[in-house]
Amino acid sequence: VTPRSAFILRFISTVALWTVALLIMFSGYEILFWVLISGFGM
């Protein structure tokens, strides 16, 4: 694995995860957003 491919995979994973989190937040499901954020924190 080259650093470039590792960065691309890291970038894609990051975008996908935060997109899901923000979609939940913008959908109005506050408790689900909190569960997701708290899950990552724990």
PDB file of all heavy atoms in Angstrom:
ATOM      1  N   VAL A   1       0.844  -1.181   0.000  1.00  0.00           N
ATOM      2  CA  VAL A   1       0.000   0.000   0.000  1.00  0.00           C
ATOM      3  C   VAL A   1       0.886   1.239   0.000  1.00  0.00           C
ATOM      4  O   VAL A   1       1.720   1.413   0.890  1.00  0.00           O
ATOM      5  CB  VAL A   1      -0.921   0.021   1.236  1.00  0.00           C
ATOM      6  CG1 VAL A   1      -1.817   1.256   1.209  1.00  0.00           C
ATOM      7  CG2 VAL A   1      -1.758  -1.240   1.289  1.00  0.00           C
ATOM      8  N   THR A   2       0.747   2.086  -1.019  1.00  0.00           N
ATOM      9  CA  THR A   2       1.515   3.317  -1.075  1.00  0.00           C
ATOM     10  C   THR A   2       0.852   4.367  -0.194  1.00  0.00           C
ATOM     11  O   THR A   2      -0.346   4.298   0.082  1.00  0.00           O
ATOM     12  CB  THR A   2       1.582   3.844  -2.510  1.00  0.00           C
ATOM     13  OG1 THR A   2       0.259   4.200  -2.933  1.00  0.00           O
ATOM     14  CG2 THR A   2       2.151   2.794  -3.461  1.00  0.00           C
ATOM     15  N   PRO A   3       1.605   5.384   0.239  1.00  0.00           N
ATOM     16  CA  PRO A   3       0.993   6.455   1.023  1.00  0.00           C
ATOM     17  C   PRO A   3      -0.155   7.133   0.283  1.00  0.00           C
ATOM     18  O   PRO A   3      -1.135   7.545   0.896  1.00  0.00           O
ATOM     19  CB  PRO A   3       2.164   7.411   1.263  1.00  0.00           C
ATOM     20  CG  PRO A   3       3.379   6.540   1.225  1.00  0.00           C
ATOM     21  CD  PRO A   3       3.075   5.501   0.174  1.00  0.00           C
ATOM     22  N   ARG A   4      -0.028   7.248  -1.046  1.00  0.00           N
ATOM     23  CA  ARG A   4      -1.085   7.904  -1.807  1.00  0.00           C
ATOM     24  C   ARG A   4      -2.383   7.108  -1.761  1.00  0.00           C
ATOM     25  O   ARG A   4      -3.459   7.662  -1.514  1.00  0.00           O
ATOM     26  CB  ARG A   4      -0.656   8.107  -3.262  1.00  0.00           C
ATOM     27  CG  ARG A   4      -1.730   8.739  -4.137  1.00  0.00           C
ATOM     28  CD  ARG A   4      -1.231   8.978  -5.547  1.00  0.00           C
ATOM     29  NE  ARG A   4      -0.125   9.918  -5.547  1.00  0.00           N
ATOM     30  CZ  ARG A   4       0.522  10.303  -6.651  1.00  0.00           C
ATOM     31  NH1 ARG A   4       0.185   9.786  -7.821  1.00  0.00           N
ATOM     32  NH2 ARG A   4       1.500  11.171  -6.571  1.00  0.00           N
ATOM     33  N   SER A   5      -2.294   5.789  -1.989  1.00  0.00           N
ATOM     34  CA  SER A   5      -3.506   4.970  -1.953  1.00  0.00           C
ATOM     35  C   SER A   5      -4.085   4.904  -0.546  1.00  0.00           C
ATOM     36  O   SER A   5      -5.299   4.869  -0.362  1.00  0.00           O
ATOM     37  CB  SER A   5      -3.217   3.560  -2.480  1.00  0.00           C
ATOM     38  OG  SER A   5      -2.246   2.920  -1.679  1.00  0.00           O
ATOM     39  N   ALA A   6      -3.202   4.897   0.456  1.00  0.00           N
ATOM     40  CA  ALA A   6      -3.682   4.906   1.836  1.00  0.00           C
ATOM     41  C   ALA A   6      -4.427   6.198   2.140  1.00  0.00           C
ATOM     42  O   ALA A   6      -5.459   6.191   2.811  1.00  0.00           O
ATOM     43  CB  ALA A   6      -2.505   4.736   2.804  1.00  0.00           C
ATOM     44  N   PHE A   7      -3.909   7.315   1.622  1.00  0.00           N
ATOM     45  CA  PHE A   7      -4.582   8.598   1.839  1.00  0.00           C
ATOM     46  C   PHE A   7      -5.937   8.626   1.146  1.00  0.00           C
ATOM     47  O   PHE A   7      -6.930   9.100   1.709  1.00  0.00           O
ATOM     48  CB  PHE A   7      -3.720   9.742   1.303  1.00  0.00           C
ATOM     49  CG  PHE A   7      -4.427  11.079   1.315  1.00  0.00           C
ATOM     50  CD1 PHE A   7      -4.555  11.804   2.487  1.00  0.00           C
ATOM     51  CD2 PHE A   7      -4.996  11.590   0.154  1.00  0.00           C
ATOM     52  CE1 PHE A   7      -5.216  13.024   2.509  1.00  0.00           C
ATOM     53  CE2 PHE A   7      -5.661  12.811   0.161  1.00  0.00           C
ATOM     54  CZ  PHE A   7      -5.767  13.520   1.337  1.00  0.00           C
ATOM     55  N   ILE A   8      -6.004   8.092  -0.084  1.00  0.00           N
ATOM     56  CA  ILE A   8      -7.272   8.079  -0.816  1.00  0.00           C
ATOM     57  C   ILE A   8      -8.308   7.245  -0.072  1.00  0.00           C
ATOM     58  O   ILE A   8      -9.466   7.647   0.082  1.00  0.00           O
ATOM     59  CB  ILE A   8      -7.059   7.540  -2.248  1.00  0.00           C
ATOM     60  CG1 ILE A   8      -6.206   8.532  -3.065  1.00  0.00           C
ATOM     61  CG2 ILE A   8      -8.397   7.300  -2.944  1.00  0.00           C
ATOM     62  CD1 ILE A   8      -5.809   8.011  -4.431  1.00  0.00           C
ATOM     63  N   LEU A   9      -7.883   6.077   0.415  1.00  0.00           N
ATOM     64  CA  LEU A   9      -8.808   5.218   1.165  1.00  0.00           C
ATOM     65  C   LEU A   9      -9.249   5.900   2.453  1.00  0.00           C
ATOM     66  O   LEU A   9     -10.426   5.863   2.828  1.00  0.00           O
ATOM     67  CB  LEU A   9      -8.126   3.889   1.487  1.00  0.00           C
ATOM     68  CG  LEU A   9      -8.987   2.826   2.186  1.00  0.00           C
ATOM     69  CD1 LEU A   9     -10.217   2.494   1.356  1.00  0.00           C
ATOM     70  CD2 LEU A   9      -8.159   1.566   2.443  1.00  0.00           C
ATOM     71  N   ARG A  10      -8.316   6.584   3.117  1.00  0.00           N
ATOM     72  CA  ARG A  10      -8.634   7.311   4.344  1.00  0.00           C
ATOM     73  C   ARG A  10      -9.616   8.433   4.057  1.00  0.00           C
ATOM     74  O   ARG A  10     -10.583   8.643   4.800  1.00  0.00           O
ATOM     75  CB  ARG A  10      -7.345   7.872   4.953  1.00  0.00           C
ATOM     76  CG  ARG A  10      -7.560   8.698   6.209  1.00  0.00           C
ATOM     77  CD  ARG A  10      -6.252   9.388   6.611  1.00  0.00           C
ATOM     78  NE  ARG A  10      -6.443  10.177   7.810  1.00  0.00           N
ATOM     79  CZ  ARG A  10      -6.088   9.814   9.023  1.00  0.00           C
ATOM     80  NH1 ARG A  10      -5.531   8.637   9.211  1.00  0.00           N
ATOM     81  NH2 ARG A  10      -6.278  10.610  10.066  1.00  0.00           N
ATOM     82  N   PHE A  11      -9.389   9.144   2.946  1.00  0.00           N
ATOM     83  CA  PHE A  11     -10.253  10.269   2.594  1.00  0.00           C
ATOM     84  C   PHE A  11     -11.665   9.789   2.270  1.00  0.00           C
ATOM     85  O   PHE A  11     -12.658  10.373   2.728  1.00  0.00           O
ATOM     86  CB  PHE A  11      -9.663  11.008   1.391  1.00  0.00           C
ATOM     87  CG  PHE A  11     -10.468  12.199   0.948  1.00  0.00           C
ATOM     88  CD1 PHE A  11     -10.443  13.386   1.673  1.00  0.00           C
ATOM     89  CD2 PHE A  11     -11.267  12.138  -0.191  1.00  0.00           C
ATOM     90  CE1 PHE A  11     -11.183  14.482   1.274  1.00  0.00           C
ATOM     91  CE2 PHE A  11     -12.013  13.229  -0.590  1.00  0.00           C
ATOM     92  CZ  PHE A  11     -11.964  14.404   0.143  1.00  0.00           C
ATOM     93  N   ILE A  12     -11.770   8.688   1.513  1.00  0.00           N
ATOM     94  CA  ILE A  12     -13.082   8.152   1.148  1.00  0.00           C
ATOM     95  C   ILE A  12     -13.835   7.689   2.402  1.00  0.00           C
ATOM     96  O   ILE A  12     -15.027   7.972   2.566  1.00  0.00           O
ATOM     97  CB  ILE A  12     -12.936   6.992   0.146  1.00  0.00           C
ATOM     98  CG1 ILE A  12     -12.421   7.522  -1.201  1.00  0.00           C
ATOM     99  CG2 ILE A  12     -14.270   6.274  -0.052  1.00  0.00           C
ATOM    100  CD1 ILE A  12     -12.090   6.426  -2.192  1.00  0.00           C
ATOM    101  N   SER A  13     -13.153   6.983   3.289  1.00  0.00           N
ATOM    102  CA  SER A  13     -13.787   6.509   4.522  1.00  0.00           C
ATOM    103  C   SER A  13     -14.265   7.674   5.379  1.00  0.00           C
ATOM    104  O   SER A  13     -15.363   7.660   5.937  1.00  0.00           O
ATOM    105  CB  SER A  13     -12.802   5.646   5.323  1.00  0.00           C
ATOM    106  OG  SER A  13     -12.442   4.485   4.616  1.00  0.00           O
ATOM    107  N   THR A  14     -13.424   8.711   5.467  1.00  0.00           N
ATOM    108  CA  THR A  14     -13.784   9.882   6.272  1.00  0.00           C
ATOM    109  C   THR A  14     -15.010  10.579   5.709  1.00  0.00           C
ATOM    110  O   THR A  14     -15.944  10.911   6.445  1.00  0.00           O
ATOM    111  CB  THR A  14     -12.601  10.870   6.329  1.00  0.00           C
ATOM    112  OG1 THR A  14     -11.470  10.209   6.894  1.00  0.00           O
ATOM    113  CG2 THR A  14     -12.953  12.084   7.167  1.00  0.00           C
ATOM    114  N   VAL A  15     -15.014  10.819   4.403  1.00  0.00           N
ATOM    115  CA  VAL A  15     -16.148  11.493   3.767  1.00  0.00           C
ATOM    116  C   VAL A  15     -17.423  10.679   3.941  1.00  0.00           C
ATOM    117  O   VAL A  15     -18.491  11.223   4.268  1.00  0.00           O
ATOM    118  CB  VAL A  15     -15.859  11.736   2.273  1.00  0.00           C
ATOM    119  CG1 VAL A  15     -17.112  12.215   1.549  1.00  0.00           C
ATOM    120  CG2 VAL A  15     -14.740  12.760   2.110  1.00  0.00           C
ATOM    121  N   ALA A  16     -17.334   9.364   3.743  1.00  0.00           N
ATOM    122  CA  ALA A  16     -18.515   8.509   3.856  1.00  0.00           C
ATOM    123  C   ALA A  16     -19.083   8.540   5.274  1.00  0.00           C
ATOM    124  O   ALA A  16     -20.297   8.695   5.469  1.00  0.00           O
ATOM    125  CB  ALA A  16     -18.165   7.078   3.459  1.00  0.00           C
ATOM    126  N   LEU A  17     -18.217   8.437   6.259  1.00  0.00           N
ATOM    127  CA  LEU A  17     -18.680   8.400   7.649  1.00  0.00           C
ATOM    128  C   LEU A  17     -19.316   9.716   8.068  1.00  0.00           C
ATOM    129  O   LEU A  17     -20.405   9.741   8.664  1.00  0.00           O
ATOM    130  CB  LEU A  17     -17.507   8.067   8.570  1.00  0.00           C
ATOM    131  CG  LEU A  17     -17.045   6.605   8.524  1.00  0.00           C
ATOM    132  CD1 LEU A  17     -15.682   6.453   9.192  1.00  0.00           C
ATOM    133  CD2 LEU A  17     -18.064   5.704   9.195  1.00  0.00           C
ATOM    134  N   TRP A  18     -18.665  10.832   7.764  1.00  0.00           N
ATOM    135  CA  TRP A  18     -19.217  12.120   8.176  1.00  0.00           C
ATOM    136  C   TRP A  18     -20.437  12.506   7.352  1.00  0.00           C
ATOM    137  O   TRP A  18     -21.304  13.240   7.822  1.00  0.00           O
ATOM    138  CB  TRP A  18     -18.141  13.196   8.121  1.00  0.00           C
ATOM    139  CG  TRP A  18     -17.162  13.076   9.248  1.00  0.00           C
ATOM    140  CD1 TRP A  18     -15.823  12.805   9.167  1.00  0.00           C
ATOM    141  CD2 TRP A  18     -17.455  13.172  10.645  1.00  0.00           C
ATOM    142  NE1 TRP A  18     -15.274  12.734  10.418  1.00  0.00           N
ATOM    143  CE2 TRP A  18     -16.239  12.961  11.341  1.00  0.00           C
ATOM    144  CE3 TRP A  18     -18.615  13.427  11.373  1.00  0.00           C
ATOM    145  CZ2 TRP A  18     -16.167  12.999  12.728  1.00  0.00           C
ATOM    146  CZ3 TRP A  18     -18.536  13.455  12.763  1.00  0.00           C
ATOM    147  CH2 TRP A  18     -17.331  13.248  13.418  1.00  0.00           C
ATOM    148  N   THR A  19     -20.518  12.004   6.115  1.00  0.00           N
ATOM    149  CA  THR A  19     -21.728  12.232   5.321  1.00  0.00           C
ATOM    150  C   THR A  19     -22.927  11.561   5.976  1.00  0.00           C
ATOM    151  O   THR A  19     -24.007  12.150   6.088  1.00  0.00           O
ATOM    152  CB  THR A  19     -21.539  11.707   3.889  1.00  0.00           C
ATOM    153  OG1 THR A  19     -20.475  12.414   3.256  1.00  0.00           O
ATOM    154  CG2 THR A  19     -22.823  11.887   3.081  1.00  0.00           C
ATOM    155  N   VAL A  20     -22.738  10.323   6.438  1.00  0.00           N
ATOM    156  CA  VAL A  20     -23.813   9.614   7.134  1.00  0.00           C
ATOM    157  C   VAL A  20     -24.217  10.371   8.399  1.00  0.00           C
ATOM    158  O   VAL A  20     -25.413  10.565   8.672  1.00  0.00           O
ATOM    159  CB  VAL A  20     -23.372   8.180   7.477  1.00  0.00           C
ATOM    160  CG1 VAL A  20     -24.390   7.516   8.393  1.00  0.00           C
ATOM    161  CG2 VAL A  20     -23.192   7.359   6.215  1.00  0.00           C
ATOM    162  N   ALA A  21     -23.216  10.818   9.161  1.00  0.00           N
ATOM    163  CA  ALA A  21     -23.503  11.538  10.403  1.00  0.00           C
ATOM    164  C   ALA A  21     -24.292  12.816  10.132  1.00  0.00           C
ATOM    165  O   ALA A  21     -25.283  13.120  10.821  1.00  0.00           O
ATOM    166  CB  ALA A  21     -22.203  11.860  11.133  1.00  0.00           C
ATOM    167  N   LEU A  22     -23.875  13.562   9.132  1.00  0.00           N
ATOM    168  CA  LEU A  22     -24.549  14.822   8.837  1.00  0.00           C
ATOM    169  C   LEU A  22     -25.934  14.610   8.234  1.00  0.00           C
ATOM    170  O   LEU A  22     -26.864  15.379   8.491  1.00  0.00           O
ATOM    171  CB  LEU A  22     -23.679  15.664   7.900  1.00  0.00           C
ATOM    172  CG  LEU A  22     -22.418  16.238   8.563  1.00  0.00           C
ATOM    173  CD1 LEU A  22     -21.468  16.791   7.513  1.00  0.00           C
ATOM    174  CD2 LEU A  22     -22.774  17.318   9.571  1.00  0.00           C
ATOM    175  N   LEU A  23     -26.093  13.567   7.422  1.00  0.00           N
ATOM    176  CA  LEU A  23     -27.419  13.262   6.882  1.00  0.00           C
ATOM    177  C   LEU A  23     -28.392  12.956   8.013  1.00  0.00           C
ATOM    178  O   LEU A  23     -29.560  13.379   7.982  1.00  0.00           O
ATOM    179  CB  LEU A  23     -27.337  12.086   5.899  1.00  0.00           C
ATOM    180  CG  LEU A  23     -26.763  12.391   4.519  1.00  0.00           C
ATOM    181  CD1 LEU A  23     -26.621  11.106   3.705  1.00  0.00           C
ATOM    182  CD2 LEU A  23     -27.648  13.397   3.773  1.00  0.00           C
ATOM    183  N   ILE A  24     -27.920  12.217   9.012  1.00  0.00           N
ATOM    184  CA  ILE A  24     -28.770  11.922  10.168  1.00  0.00           C
ATOM    185  C   ILE A  24     -29.138  13.210  10.887  1.00  0.00           C
ATOM    186  O   ILE A  24     -30.288  13.438  11.267  1.00  0.00           O
ATOM    187  CB  ILE A  24     -28.057  10.948  11.121  1.00  0.00           C
ATOM    188  CG1 ILE A  24     -27.928   9.566  10.468  1.00  0.00           C
ATOM    189  CG2 ILE A  24     -28.823  10.830  12.440  1.00  0.00           C
ATOM    190  CD1 ILE A  24     -27.102   8.581  11.278  1.00  0.00           C
ATOM    191  N   MET A  25     -28.149  14.099  11.052  1.00  0.00           N
ATOM    192  CA  MET A  25     -28.402  15.350  11.761  1.00  0.00           C
ATOM    193  C   MET A  25     -29.370  16.235  10.983  1.00  0.00           C
ATOM    194  O   MET A  25     -30.313  16.804  11.539  1.00  0.00           O
ATOM    195  CB  MET A  25     -27.075  16.089  11.969  1.00  0.00           C
ATOM    196  CG  MET A  25     -27.195  17.357  12.807  1.00  0.00           C
ATOM    197  SD  MET A  25     -27.542  17.022  14.549  1.00  0.00           S
ATOM    198  CE  MET A  25     -29.280  17.365  14.690  1.00  0.00           C
ATOM    199  N   PHE A  26     -29.170  16.350   9.674  1.00  0.00           N
ATOM    200  CA  PHE A  26     -30.037  17.204   8.858  1.00  0.00           C
ATOM    201  C   PHE A  26     -31.436  16.609   8.699  1.00  0.00           C
ATOM    202  O   PHE A  26     -32.375  17.329   8.370  1.00  0.00           O
ATOM    203  CB  PHE A  26     -29.405  17.437   7.481  1.00  0.00           C
ATOM    204  CG  PHE A  26     -28.362  18.522   7.480  1.00  0.00           C
ATOM    205  CD1 PHE A  26     -27.028  18.211   7.654  1.00  0.00           C
ATOM    206  CD2 PHE A  26     -28.714  19.852   7.329  1.00  0.00           C
ATOM    207  CE1 PHE A  26     -26.057  19.199   7.671  1.00  0.00           C
ATOM    208  CE2 PHE A  26     -27.756  20.854   7.338  1.00  0.00           C
ATOM    209  CZ  PHE A  26     -26.418  20.525   7.514  1.00  0.00           C
ATOM    210  N   SER A  27     -31.574  15.300   8.924  1.00  0.00           N
ATOM    211  CA  SER A  27     -32.892  14.682   8.837  1.00  0.00           C
ATOM    212  C   SER A  27     -33.759  15.007  10.039  1.00  0.00           C
ATOM    213  O   SER A  27     -34.957  14.756  10.031  1.00  0.00           O
ATOM    214  CB  SER A  27     -32.740  13.164   8.700  1.00  0.00           C
ATOM    215  OG  SER A  27     -32.256  12.605   9.910  1.00  0.00           O
ATOM    216  N   GLY A  28     -33.147  15.559  11.088  1.00  0.00           N
ATOM    217  CA  GLY A  28     -33.907  15.939  12.267  1.00  0.00           C
ATOM    218  C   GLY A  28     -33.896  14.905  13.378  1.00  0.00           C
ATOM    219  O   GLY A  28     -34.485  15.135  14.440  1.00  0.00           O
ATOM    220  N   TYR A  29     -33.225  13.757  13.146  1.00  0.00           N
ATOM    221  CA  TYR A  29     -33.177  12.715  14.178  1.00  0.00           C
ATOM    222  C   TYR A  29     -32.013  13.019  15.124  1.00  0.00           C
ATOM    223  O   TYR A  29     -30.926  12.444  15.013  1.00  0.00           O
ATOM    224  CB  TYR A  29     -33.025  11.336  13.541  1.00  0.00           C
ATOM    225  CG  TYR A  29     -34.228  10.912  12.739  1.00  0.00           C
ATOM    226  CD1 TYR A  29     -34.214  10.946  11.352  1.00  0.00           C
ATOM    227  CD2 TYR A  29     -35.400  10.494  13.372  1.00  0.00           C
ATOM    228  CE1 TYR A  29     -35.323  10.574  10.606  1.00  0.00           C
ATOM    229  CE2 TYR A  29     -36.517  10.118  12.645  1.00  0.00           C
ATOM    230  CZ  TYR A  29     -36.472  10.160  11.262  1.00  0.00           C
ATOM    231  OH  TYR A  29     -37.567   9.781  10.525  1.00  0.00           O
ATOM    232  N   GLU A  30     -32.269  13.908  16.066  1.00  0.00           N
ATOM    233  CA  GLU A  30     -31.209  14.372  16.949  1.00  0.00           C
ATOM    234  C   GLU A  30     -30.638  13.241  17.790  1.00  0.00           C
ATOM    235  O   GLU A  30     -29.428  13.163  18.005  1.00  0.00           O
ATOM    236  CB  GLU A  30     -31.742  15.476  17.864  1.00  0.00           C
ATOM    237  CG  GLU A  30     -32.245  16.701  17.113  1.00  0.00           C
ATOM    238  CD  GLU A  30     -32.922  17.699  18.027  1.00  0.00           C
ATOM    239  OE1 GLU A  30     -32.497  17.802  19.204  1.00  0.00           O
ATOM    240  OE2 GLU A  30     -33.885  18.345  17.590  1.00  0.00           O
ATOM    241  N   ILE A  31     -31.485  12.346  18.253  1.00  0.00           N
ATOM    242  CA  ILE A  31     -31.029  11.269  19.128  1.00  0.00           C
ATOM    243  C   ILE A  31     -30.110  10.315  18.367  1.00  0.00           C
ATOM    244  O   ILE A  31     -29.120   9.816  18.922  1.00  0.00           O
ATOM    245  CB  ILE A  31     -32.235  10.502  19.741  1.00  0.00           C
ATOM    246  CG1 ILE A  31     -31.748   9.493  20.781  1.00  0.00           C
ATOM    247  CG2 ILE A  31     -33.050   9.820  18.664  1.00  0.00           C
ATOM    248  CD1 ILE A  31     -31.160  10.113  22.006  1.00  0.00           C
ATOM    249  N   LEU A  32     -30.401  10.080  17.080  1.00  0.00           N
ATOM    250  CA  LEU A  32     -29.546   9.193  16.288  1.00  0.00           C
ATOM    251  C   LEU A  32     -28.181   9.818  16.046  1.00  0.00           C
ATOM    252  O   LEU A  32     -27.150   9.139  16.064  1.00  0.00           O
ATOM    253  CB  LEU A  32     -30.220   8.856  14.955  1.00  0.00           C
ATOM    254  CG  LEU A  32     -31.457   7.964  15.028  1.00  0.00           C
ATOM    255  CD1 LEU A  32     -31.997   7.697  13.633  1.00  0.00           C
ATOM    256  CD2 LEU A  32     -31.122   6.642  15.725  1.00  0.00           C
ATOM    257  N   PHE A  33     -28.178  11.137  15.810  1.00  0.00           N
ATOM    258  CA  PHE A  33     -26.907  11.830  15.635  1.00  0.00           C
ATOM    259  C   PHE A  33     -26.082  11.725  16.921  1.00  0.00           C
ATOM    260  O   PHE A  33     -24.877  11.460  16.885  1.00  0.00           O
ATOM    261  CB  PHE A  33     -27.149  13.299  15.282  1.00  0.00           C
ATOM    262  CG  PHE A  33     -25.879  14.093  15.068  1.00  0.00           C
ATOM    263  CD1 PHE A  33     -25.214  14.024  13.858  1.00  0.00           C
ATOM    264  CD2 PHE A  33     -25.365  14.898  16.067  1.00  0.00           C
ATOM    265  CE1 PHE A  33     -24.054  14.743  13.650  1.00  0.00           C
ATOM    266  CE2 PHE A  33     -24.211  15.626  15.874  1.00  0.00           C
ATOM    267  CZ  PHE A  33     -23.553  15.546  14.653  1.00  0.00           C
ATOM    268  N   TRP A  34     -26.739  11.924  18.053  1.00  0.00           N
ATOM    269  CA  TRP A  34     -26.030  11.827  19.331  1.00  0.00           C
ATOM    270  C   TRP A  34     -25.502  10.415  19.550  1.00  0.00           C
ATOM    271  O   TRP A  34     -24.364  10.247  20.020  1.00  0.00           O
ATOM    272  CB  TRP A  34     -26.962  12.222  20.482  1.00  0.00           C
ATOM    273  CG  TRP A  34     -26.360  11.944  21.819  1.00  0.00           C
ATOM    274  CD1 TRP A  34     -25.400  12.670  22.467  1.00  0.00           C
ATOM    275  CD2 TRP A  34     -26.636  10.821  22.659  1.00  0.00           C
ATOM    276  NE1 TRP A  34     -25.075  12.073  23.663  1.00  0.00           N
ATOM    277  CE2 TRP A  34     -25.810  10.952  23.809  1.00  0.00           C
ATOM    278  CE3 TRP A  34     -27.513   9.742  22.566  1.00  0.00           C
ATOM    279  CZ2 TRP A  34     -25.842  10.021  24.835  1.00  0.00           C
ATOM    280  CZ3 TRP A  34     -27.541   8.816  23.596  1.00  0.00           C
ATOM    281  CH2 TRP A  34     -26.713   8.959  24.713  1.00  0.00           C
ATOM    282  N   VAL A  35     -26.297   9.401  19.207  1.00  0.00           N
ATOM    283  CA  VAL A  35     -25.846   8.017  19.364  1.00  0.00           C
ATOM    284  C   VAL A  35     -24.603   7.765  18.510  1.00  0.00           C
ATOM    285  O   VAL A  35     -23.629   7.135  18.967  1.00  0.00           O
ATOM    286  CB  VAL A  35     -26.973   7.033  18.985  1.00  0.00           C
ATOM    287  CG1 VAL A  35     -26.426   5.606  18.848  1.00  0.00           C
ATOM    288  CG2 VAL A  35     -28.094   7.070  20.015  1.00  0.00           C
ATOM    289  N   LEU A  36     -24.618   8.267  17.274  1.00  0.00           N
ATOM    290  CA  LEU A  36     -23.475   8.063  16.384  1.00  0.00           C
ATOM    291  C   LEU A  36     -22.231   8.770  16.920  1.00  0.00           C
ATOM    292  O   LEU A  36     -21.144   8.178  17.001  1.00  0.00           O
ATOM    293  CB  LEU A  36     -23.816   8.573  14.984  1.00  0.00           C
ATOM    294  CG  LEU A  36     -22.749   8.355  13.913  1.00  0.00           C
ATOM    295  CD1 LEU A  36     -22.514   6.868  13.694  1.00  0.00           C
ATOM    296  CD2 LEU A  36     -23.164   9.029  12.602  1.00  0.00           C
ATOM    297  N   ILE A  37     -22.380  10.040  17.289  1.00  0.00           N
ATOM    298  CA  ILE A  37     -21.256  10.802  17.810  1.00  0.00           C
ATOM    299  C   ILE A  37     -20.739  10.186  19.110  1.00  0.00           C
ATOM    300  O   ILE A  37     -19.531  10.023  19.314  1.00  0.00           O
ATOM    301  CB  ILE A  37     -21.666  12.270  18.040  1.00  0.00           C
ATOM    302  CG1 ILE A  37     -21.939  12.964  16.707  1.00  0.00           C
ATOM    303  CG2 ILE A  37     -20.599  13.024  18.817  1.00  0.00           C
ATOM    304  CD1 ILE A  37     -20.736  13.063  15.808  1.00  0.00           C
ATOM    305  N   SER A  38     -21.657   9.822  20.002  1.00  0.00           N
ATOM    306  CA  SER A  38     -21.255   9.223  21.271  1.00  0.00           C
ATOM    307  C   SER A  38     -20.577   7.876  21.052  1.00  0.00           C
ATOM    308  O   SER A  38     -19.636   7.521  21.773  1.00  0.00           O
ATOM    309  CB  SER A  38     -22.470   9.051  22.180  1.00  0.00           C
ATOM    310  OG  SER A  38     -23.035  10.304  22.504  1.00  0.00           O
ATOM    311  N   GLY A  39     -21.067   7.133  20.062  1.00  0.00           N
ATOM    312  CA  GLY A  39     -20.447   5.846  19.764  1.00  0.00           C
ATOM    313  C   GLY A  39     -18.988   5.996  19.370  1.00  0.00           C
ATOM    314  O   GLY A  39     -18.115   5.272  19.877  1.00  0.00           O
ATOM    315  N   PHE A  40     -18.721   6.953  18.482  1.00  0.00           N
ATOM    316  CA  PHE A  40     -17.334   7.188  18.079  1.00  0.00           C
ATOM    317  C   PHE A  40     -16.501   7.681  19.268  1.00  0.00           C
ATOM    318  O   PHE A  40     -15.338   7.311  19.420  1.00  0.00           O
ATOM    319  CB  PHE A  40     -17.272   8.201  16.934  1.00  0.00           C
ATOM    320  CG  PHE A  40     -17.438   7.577  15.583  1.00  0.00           C
ATOM    321  CD1 PHE A  40     -18.583   7.783  14.838  1.00  0.00           C
ATOM    322  CD2 PHE A  40     -16.445   6.765  15.057  1.00  0.00           C
ATOM    323  CE1 PHE A  40     -18.747   7.203  13.599  1.00  0.00           C
ATOM    324  CE2 PHE A  40     -16.591   6.174  13.807  1.00  0.00           C
ATOM    325  CZ  PHE A  40     -17.744   6.385  13.080  1.00  0.00           C
ATOM    326  N   GLY A  41     -17.096   8.529  20.097  1.00  0.00           N
ATOM    327  CA  GLY A  41     -16.378   9.019  21.263  1.00  0.00           C
ATOM    328  C   GLY A  41     -16.020   7.911  22.230  1.00  0.00           C
ATOM    329  O   GLY A  41     -14.879   7.835  22.726  1.00  0.00           O
ATOM    330  N   MET A  42     -16.974   7.026  22.515  1.00  0.00           N
ATOM    331  CA  MET A  42     -16.729   5.936  23.450  1.00  0.00           C
ATOM    332  C   MET A  42     -15.714   4.935  22.888  1.00  0.00           C
ATOM    333  O   MET A  42     -14.845   4.436  23.614  1.00  0.00           O
ATOM    334  CB  MET A  42     -18.039   5.232  23.788  1.00  0.00           C
ATOM    335  CG  MET A  42     -19.021   6.073  24.587  1.00  0.00           C
ATOM    336  SD  MET A  42     -18.430   6.473  26.253  1.00  0.00           S
ATOM    337  CE  MET A  42     -18.596   4.879  27.062  1.00  0.00           C
TER     338      MET A  42
END
